[in-house]
Amino acid sequence: MSDHGNLSAWLFESARSDGDDQRPVLHQGERAMTYAELVDSVARLASALKDIGMTRGERVAVVMRDTI
């Protein structure tokens, strides 16, 4: 991974360069998540953080279940 400064930029670039945003990128058992779904999830999280006043450069800890 090159240094893009943040996860969302890397995901958007990876999805765009791959050319197939419907290709599964994460797998957990029988479940899979496509690039498009992953990019959408990251964009929604980024938007929610921005809505509560987070700004570029602030650090965020994300704690969640071990699942897609």
Protein backbone atom coordinates (compact mmCIF):
# COMPACT_ATOMS: atom_id res chain seq x y z
CA MET A 1 0.00 0.00 0.00
CA SER A 2 1.41 3.36 -0.93
CA ASP A 3 1.19 6.30 1.48
CA HIS A 4 -2.12 8.01 0.74
CA GLY A 5 -2.59 9.37 4.23
CA ASN A 6 -5.84 7.59 4.97
CA LEU A 7 -7.73 4.36 4.51
CA SER A 8 -10.59 5.79 2.46
CA ALA A 9 -8.24 7.26 -0.15
CA TRP A 10 -6.46 3.93 -0.49
CA LEU A 11 -9.76 2.03 -0.83
CA PHE A 12 -11.18 4.43 -3.43
CA GLU A 13 -7.95 4.20 -5.47
CA SER A 14 -7.83 0.40 -5.18
CA ALA A 15 -11.44 -0.01 -6.26
CA ARG A 16 -10.95 2.39 -9.19
CA SER A 17 -7.71 0.80 -10.39
CA ASP A 18 -9.11 -2.73 -10.12
CA GLY A 19 -11.87 -1.87 -12.60
CA ASP A 20 -14.40 -4.23 -11.00
CA ASP A 21 -16.09 -2.70 -7.99
CA GLN A 22 -18.39 -5.75 -7.70
CA ARG A 23 -15.46 -8.13 -7.13
CA PRO A 24 -15.44 -9.57 -3.60
CA VAL A 25 -12.61 -8.08 -1.57
CA LEU A 26 -13.39 -9.34 1.96
CA HIS A 27 -14.50 -12.86 2.84
CA GLN A 28 -15.80 -14.31 6.09
CA GLY A 29 -17.19 -17.81 5.88
CA GLU A 30 -19.95 -17.78 3.27
CA ARG A 31 -20.23 -13.97 3.35
CA ALA A 32 -18.32 -11.65 1.05
CA MET A 33 -18.14 -7.88 0.66
CA THR A 34 -17.43 -6.19 -2.67
CA TYR A 35 -15.21 -3.16 -3.23
CA ALA A 36 -18.36 -1.10 -3.81
CA GLU A 37 -19.86 -2.18 -0.46
CA LEU A 38 -16.58 -1.59 1.38
CA VAL A 39 -16.08 1.85 -0.17
CA ASP A 40 -19.68 2.75 0.73
CA SER A 41 -19.16 1.64 4.36
CA VAL A 42 -15.95 3.65 4.68
CA ALA A 43 -17.61 6.72 3.11
CA ARG A 44 -20.55 6.46 5.54
CA LEU A 45 -18.18 6.18 8.52
CA ALA A 46 -16.14 9.16 7.30
CA SER A 47 -19.31 11.19 6.83
CA ALA A 48 -20.57 10.33 10.32
CA LEU A 49 -17.24 11.36 11.86
CA LYS A 50 -17.30 14.63 9.93
CA ASP A 51 -20.89 15.25 11.08
CA ILE A 52 -19.83 15.06 14.73
CA GLY A 53 -17.03 17.57 14.18
CA MET A 54 -13.97 15.44 13.44
CA THR A 55 -11.45 17.16 11.21
CA ARG A 56 -8.62 15.96 8.99
CA GLY A 57 -5.63 14.74 10.96
CA GLU A 58 -7.53 13.85 14.14
CA ARG A 59 -6.99 10.31 15.33
CA VAL A 60 -9.87 7.91 15.72
CA ALA A 61 -10.01 4.49 17.40
CA VAL A 62 -12.54 2.10 15.93
CA VAL A 63 -13.73 -0.76 18.12
CA MET A 64 -16.15 -3.26 16.63
CA ARG A 65 -16.98 -6.94 16.40
CA ASP A 66 -14.72 -9.17 14.33
CA THR A 67 -17.07 -9.39 11.35
CA ILE A 68 -17.57 -7.94 7.91
